[in-house]
Amino acid sequence: MPGPNTAAAPEPLIKTVRVSDEVITAGLTDGRTITVPLAWSWRLSEATPEQRGNFRLIGAGEGVHWPDIDEDISVWGMLYGVPAHKAPAR
């Protein structure tokens, strides 16, 4: 009797990114699409459309970096629902 398939699934990686006034959408290399509220990133929420559009993928697609606003979002953060929290005002 054959055993269960023990092959590991590939790590999810981001292939494409779109940022609108309401959501961040990432297309993954495995065909899935993840959409999270823009409000999950206070930095992106407060950024201009130009700043939101200036991003690069981190590594092979493990995350996204927006250099103009120093924001990073990981594929795991998007998959598991980990919003960025704004630091308290001093």
C-alpha atoms as a PDB file:
ATOM      1  CA  MET A   1       0.000   0.000   0.000  1.00  0.00           C
ATOM      2  CA  PRO A   2       1.559   3.330  -1.030  1.00  0.00           C
ATOM      3  CA  GLY A   3       2.183   5.969   1.656  1.00  0.00           C
ATOM      4  CA  PRO A   4       0.917   9.533   1.617  1.00  0.00           C
ATOM      5  CA  ASN A   5       2.522  12.041  -0.654  1.00  0.00           C
ATOM      6  CA  THR A   6       5.256  13.665   1.402  1.00  0.00           C
ATOM      7  CA  ALA A   7       6.460  16.143  -1.223  1.00  0.00           C
ATOM      8  CA  ALA A   8       6.609  19.626   0.234  1.00  0.00           C
ATOM      9  CA  ALA A   9       4.474  22.301  -1.344  1.00  0.00           C
ATOM     10  CA  PRO A  10       6.456  25.198  -2.798  1.00  0.00           C
ATOM     11  CA  GLU A  11       6.705  28.346  -0.700  1.00  0.00           C
ATOM     12  CA  PRO A  12       4.192  31.002  -1.741  1.00  0.00           C
ATOM     13  CA  LEU A  13       5.899  33.831  -3.610  1.00  0.00           C
ATOM     14  CA  ILE A  14       4.571  37.148  -4.894  1.00  0.00           C
ATOM     15  CA  LYS A  15       4.726  37.638  -8.645  1.00  0.00           C
ATOM     16  CA  THR A  16       2.655  40.815  -9.140  1.00  0.00           C
ATOM     17  CA  VAL A  17       1.452  43.689  -6.940  1.00  0.00           C
ATOM     18  CA  ARG A  18      -1.272  46.282  -7.388  1.00  0.00           C
ATOM     19  CA  VAL A  19      -2.186  48.973  -4.869  1.00  0.00           C
ATOM     20  CA  SER A  20      -5.440  50.892  -5.162  1.00  0.00           C
ATOM     21  CA  ASP A  21      -7.010  53.481  -2.858  1.00  0.00           C
ATOM     22  CA  GLU A  22      -8.669  50.611  -0.960  1.00  0.00           C
ATOM     23  CA  VAL A  23      -6.693  47.355  -1.297  1.00  0.00           C
ATOM     24  CA  ILE A  24      -3.297  45.741  -1.840  1.00  0.00           C
ATOM     25  CA  THR A  25      -3.509  42.837  -4.299  1.00  0.00           C
ATOM     26  CA  ALA A  26      -0.715  40.308  -4.787  1.00  0.00           C
ATOM     27  CA  GLY A  27      -0.667  37.651  -7.483  1.00  0.00           C
ATOM     28  CA  LEU A  28       1.245  34.583  -6.334  1.00  0.00           C
ATOM     29  CA  THR A  29       3.406  32.282  -8.433  1.00  0.00           C
ATOM     30  CA  ASP A  30       1.070  29.365  -7.630  1.00  0.00           C
ATOM     31  CA  GLY A  31      -1.889  31.154  -9.242  1.00  0.00           C
ATOM     32  CA  ARG A  32      -3.592  32.457  -6.087  1.00  0.00           C
ATOM     33  CA  THR A  33      -4.482  36.118  -5.614  1.00  0.00           C
ATOM     34  CA  ILE A  34      -4.408  37.717  -2.159  1.00  0.00           C
ATOM     35  CA  THR A  35      -6.207  40.975  -1.447  1.00  0.00           C
ATOM     36  CA  VAL A  36      -5.910  42.806   1.868  1.00  0.00           C
ATOM     37  CA  PRO A  37      -7.288  46.187   2.949  1.00  0.00           C
ATOM     38  CA  LEU A  38      -4.996  49.144   2.328  1.00  0.00           C
ATOM     39  CA  ALA A  39      -5.720  50.170   5.918  1.00  0.00           C
ATOM     40  CA  TRP A  40      -3.533  47.215   7.030  1.00  0.00           C
ATOM     41  CA  SER A  41      -0.563  49.413   6.159  1.00  0.00           C
ATOM     42  CA  TRP A  42      -0.847  52.867   7.677  1.00  0.00           C
ATOM     43  CA  ARG A  43       2.221  53.932   5.699  1.00  0.00           C
ATOM     44  CA  LEU A  44       0.630  52.930   2.385  1.00  0.00           C
ATOM     45  CA  SER A  45      -2.700  54.438   3.480  1.00  0.00           C
ATOM     46  CA  GLU A  46      -0.999  57.791   4.002  1.00  0.00           C
ATOM     47  CA  ALA A  47       1.225  57.547   0.894  1.00  0.00           C
ATOM     48  CA  THR A  48       0.640  59.247  -2.432  1.00  0.00           C
ATOM     49  CA  PRO A  49      -0.328  57.166  -5.463  1.00  0.00           C
ATOM     50  CA  GLU A  50       3.203  57.719  -6.816  1.00  0.00           C
ATOM     51  CA  GLN A  51       4.764  56.407  -3.582  1.00  0.00           C
ATOM     52  CA  ARG A  52       2.436  53.382  -3.626  1.00  0.00           C
ATOM     53  CA  GLY A  53       3.451  52.658  -7.205  1.00  0.00           C
ATOM     54  CA  ASN A  54       7.179  52.676  -6.433  1.00  0.00           C
ATOM     55  CA  PHE A  55       7.893  49.212  -5.047  1.00  0.00           C
ATOM     56  CA  ARG A  56      10.138  46.216  -5.601  1.00  0.00           C
ATOM     57  CA  LEU A  57       9.841  42.566  -4.734  1.00  0.00           C
ATOM     58  CA  ILE A  58      12.013  41.342  -1.882  1.00  0.00           C
ATOM     59  CA  GLY A  59      14.140  38.314  -2.744  1.00  0.00           C
ATOM     60  CA  ALA A  60      12.346  35.904  -5.037  1.00  0.00           C
ATOM     61  CA  GLY A  61       8.949  37.317  -4.027  1.00  0.00           C
ATOM     62  CA  GLU A  62       8.921  36.723  -0.269  1.00  0.00           C
ATOM     63  CA  GLY A  63       7.615  40.250   0.177  1.00  0.00           C
ATOM     64  CA  VAL A  64       7.289  43.755  -1.207  1.00  0.00           C
ATOM     65  CA  HIS A  65       9.302  46.871  -0.304  1.00  0.00           C
ATOM     66  CA  TRP A  66       8.210  50.482  -0.857  1.00  0.00           C
ATOM     67  CA  PRO A  67      11.438  52.539  -0.535  1.00  0.00           C
ATOM     68  CA  ASP A  68       9.777  55.975  -0.531  1.00  0.00           C
ATOM     69  CA  ILE A  69       7.884  55.179   2.683  1.00  0.00           C
ATOM     70  CA  ASP A  70      10.131  52.439   4.132  1.00  0.00           C
ATOM     71  CA  GLU A  71       7.350  49.828   4.178  1.00  0.00           C
ATOM     72  CA  ASP A  72       7.740  46.065   3.824  1.00  0.00           C
ATOM     73  CA  ILE A  73       4.914  43.535   3.569  1.00  0.00           C
ATOM     74  CA  SER A  74       5.599  39.805   3.474  1.00  0.00           C
ATOM     75  CA  VAL A  75       3.613  37.197   1.607  1.00  0.00           C
ATOM     76  CA  TRP A  76       3.082  35.444   4.964  1.00  0.00           C
ATOM     77  CA  GLY A  77       1.765  38.631   6.544  1.00  0.00           C
ATOM     78  CA  MET A  78      -0.774  38.919   3.745  1.00  0.00           C
ATOM     79  CA  LEU A  79      -1.726  35.240   3.901  1.00  0.00           C
ATOM     80  CA  TYR A  80      -2.128  35.134   7.664  1.00  0.00           C
ATOM     81  CA  GLY A  81      -3.611  38.569   8.181  1.00  0.00           C
ATOM     82  CA  VAL A  82      -0.894  40.482   9.996  1.00  0.00           C
ATOM     83  CA  PRO A  83      -1.578  44.213   9.627  1.00  0.00           C
ATOM     84  CA  ALA A  84       1.111  46.798  10.437  1.00  0.00           C
ATOM     85  CA  HIS A  85       0.415  48.699  13.628  1.00  0.00           C
ATOM     86  CA  LYS A  86       1.101  52.411  13.822  1.00  0.00           C
ATOM     87  CA  ALA A  87       3.530  53.419  16.517  1.00  0.00           C
ATOM     88  CA  PRO A  88       1.923  55.443  19.291  1.00  0.00           C
ATOM     89  CA  ALA A  89       2.441  59.200  19.148  1.00  0.00           C
ATOM     90  CA  ARG A  90       5.051  60.529  21.565  1.00  0.00           C
END
